[in-house]
C-alpha atoms as a PDB file:
ATOM      1  CA  UNK A   1     111.388  84.380 103.975  1.00  0.00           C
ATOM      2  CA  UNK A   2     114.149  85.206 101.772  1.00  0.00           C
ATOM      3  CA  UNK A   3     111.708  87.429  99.549  1.00  0.00           C
ATOM      4  CA  UNK A   4     110.570  89.365 102.623  1.00  0.00           C
ATOM      5  CA  UNK A   5     114.133  89.833 103.824  1.00  0.00           C
ATOM      6  CA  UNK A   6     115.144  91.023 100.444  1.00  0.00           C
ATOM      7  CA  UNK A   7     112.342  93.622 100.779  1.00  0.00           C
ATOM      8  CA  UNK A   8     113.625  94.659 103.867  1.00  0.00           C
ATOM      9  CA  UNK A   9     117.060  95.475 102.784  1.00  0.00           C
ATOM     10  CA  UNK A  10     116.497  96.728  99.303  1.00  0.00           C
ATOM     11  CA  UNK A  11     114.745  99.945  98.886  1.00  0.00           C
ATOM     12  CA  UNK A  12     112.639 100.465  95.890  1.00  0.00           C
ATOM     13  CA  UNK A  13     110.092 103.695  95.696  1.00  0.00           C
ATOM     14  CA  UNK A  14     106.391 102.601  95.645  1.00  0.00           C
ATOM     15  CA  UNK A  15     106.080 103.079  92.043  1.00  0.00           C
ATOM     16  CA  UNK A  16     108.980 100.991  91.041  1.00  0.00           C
ATOM     17  CA  UNK A  17     107.793  97.817  93.222  1.00  0.00           C
ATOM     18  CA  UNK A  18     105.253  96.698  90.978  1.00  0.00           C
ATOM     19  CA  UNK A  19     107.639  96.530  87.676  1.00  0.00           C
ATOM     20  CA  UNK A  20     110.292  94.674  89.962  1.00  0.00           C
ATOM     21  CA  UNK A  21     107.436  92.230  91.011  1.00  0.00           C
ATOM     22  CA  UNK A  22     106.545  91.778  87.141  1.00  0.00           C
ATOM     23  CA  UNK A  23     110.312  91.060  86.445  1.00  0.00           C
ATOM     24  CA  UNK A  24     110.469  88.334  89.210  1.00  0.00           C
ATOM     25  CA  UNK A  25     107.392  86.744  88.223  1.00  0.00           C
ATOM     26  CA  UNK A  26     108.500  86.573  84.680  1.00  0.00           C
ATOM     27  CA  UNK A  27     111.934  85.109  86.024  1.00  0.00           C
ATOM     28  CA  UNK A  28     109.857  82.272  87.497  1.00  0.00           C
ATOM     29  CA  UNK A  29     109.381  83.375  91.222  1.00  0.00           C
ATOM     30  CA  UNK A  30     106.246  81.639  92.829  1.00  0.00           C
ATOM     31  CA  UNK A  31     103.400  84.000  93.638  1.00  0.00           C
ATOM     32  CA  UNK A  32     103.608  83.007  97.332  1.00  0.00           C
ATOM     33  CA  UNK A  33     106.977  84.917  97.940  1.00  0.00           C
ATOM     34  CA  UNK A  34     106.397  87.561  95.701  1.00  0.00           C
ATOM     35  CA  UNK A  35     103.271  88.374  97.646  1.00  0.00           C
ATOM     36  CA  UNK A  36     105.624  88.407 100.906  1.00  0.00           C
ATOM     37  CA  UNK A  37     107.885  90.589  99.164  1.00  0.00           C
ATOM     38  CA  UNK A  38     105.136  92.901  98.006  1.00  0.00           C
ATOM     39  CA  UNK A  39     103.713  93.074 101.613  1.00  0.00           C
ATOM     40  CA  UNK A  40     106.970  93.748 103.516  1.00  0.00           C
ATOM     41  CA  UNK A  41     108.840  96.083 101.122  1.00  0.00           C
ATOM     42  CA  UNK A  42     106.909  99.232 101.632  1.00  0.00           C
ATOM     43  CA  UNK A  43     106.694  99.044 105.390  1.00  0.00           C
ATOM     44  CA  UNK A  44     110.071  97.690 106.484  1.00  0.00           C
ATOM     45  CA  UNK A  45     112.192  98.964 104.417  1.00  0.00           C
ATOM     46  CA  UNK A  46     115.722 100.195 105.883  1.00  0.00           C
ATOM     47  CA  UNK A  47     114.965 103.881 105.505  1.00  0.00           C
ATOM     48  CA  UNK A  48     111.638 103.128 106.965  1.00  0.00           C
ATOM     49  CA  UNK A  49     113.136 101.481 110.035  1.00  0.00           C
ATOM     50  CA  UNK A  50     115.751 104.336 110.476  1.00  0.00           C
ATOM     51  CA  UNK A  51     112.586 107.111 110.876  1.00  0.00           C
ATOM     52  CA  UNK A  52     110.531 104.809 112.657  1.00  0.00           C
ATOM     53  CA  UNK A  53     113.535 104.338 115.163  1.00  0.00           C
ATOM     54  CA  UNK A  54     113.618 108.010 115.827  1.00  0.00           C
ATOM     55  CA  UNK A  55     110.229 108.202 116.543  1.00  0.00           C
ATOM     56  CA  UNK A  56     109.091 105.198 118.861  1.00  0.00           C
ATOM     57  CA  UNK A  57     112.717 104.026 119.880  1.00  0.00           C
ATOM     58  CA  UNK A  58     114.785 100.859 119.379  1.00  0.00           C
ATOM     59  CA  UNK A  59     112.814  98.398 121.063  1.00  0.00           C
ATOM     60  CA  UNK A  60     109.528  99.106 119.650  1.00  0.00           C
ATOM     61  CA  UNK A  61     110.956  99.454 116.272  1.00  0.00           C
ATOM     62  CA  UNK A  62     112.456  95.957 116.633  1.00  0.00           C
ATOM     63  CA  UNK A  63     109.184  94.541 117.444  1.00  0.00           C
ATOM     64  CA  UNK A  64     107.659  96.503 114.416  1.00  0.00           C
ATOM     65  CA  UNK A  65     110.168  94.835 111.974  1.00  0.00           C
ATOM     66  CA  UNK A  66     109.866  91.578 113.507  1.00  0.00           C
ATOM     67  CA  UNK A  67     105.918  91.485 113.385  1.00  0.00           C
ATOM     68  CA  UNK A  68     105.811  92.969 109.968  1.00  0.00           C
ATOM     69  CA  UNK A  69     108.280  90.349 108.788  1.00  0.00           C
ATOM     70  CA  UNK A  70     106.584  87.625 110.349  1.00  0.00           C
ATOM     71  CA  UNK A  71     103.049  88.345 109.075  1.00  0.00           C
ATOM     72  CA  UNK A  72     104.368  89.107 105.513  1.00  0.00           C
ATOM     73  CA  UNK A  73     105.985  85.532 105.619  1.00  0.00           C
ATOM     74  CA  UNK A  74     102.914  84.042 106.872  1.00  0.00           C
ATOM     75  CA  UNK A  75     100.590  85.652 104.452  1.00  0.00           C
ATOM     76  CA  UNK A  76     102.792  85.005 101.639  1.00  0.00           C
ATOM     77  CA  UNK A  77     102.979  81.368 102.450  1.00  0.00           C
ATOM     78  CA  UNK A  78      99.004  81.112 103.058  1.00  0.00           C
ATOM     79  CA  UNK A  79      98.753  83.054  99.598  1.00  0.00           C
ATOM     80  CA  UNK A  80     101.043  80.573  97.636  1.00  0.00           C
ATOM     81  CA  UNK A  81      99.461  77.564  99.540  1.00  0.00           C
ATOM     82  CA  UNK A  82      95.880  77.927  99.463  1.00  0.00           C
ATOM     83  CA  UNK A  83      95.126  80.844  97.043  1.00  0.00           C
ATOM     84  CA  UNK A  84      97.016  80.061  93.938  1.00  0.00           C
END
């Protein structure tokens, strides 16, 4: 959950996400939270939420962010528990 929330607040351009993920992996981060970070970071960055908010409004933006975070956390958990 912390990795997904970090991916929401921290903005990294697409080409920087992979080296950052590699650094996290080398520092000892488990692959489940790392997968969660990689899934959530591009879709729910703060800048993305601001743009989406202007297009679809605050209520739908909140739903979008909650669903993205939730599914990212669940997918990272399942990846870490069952596929690694």
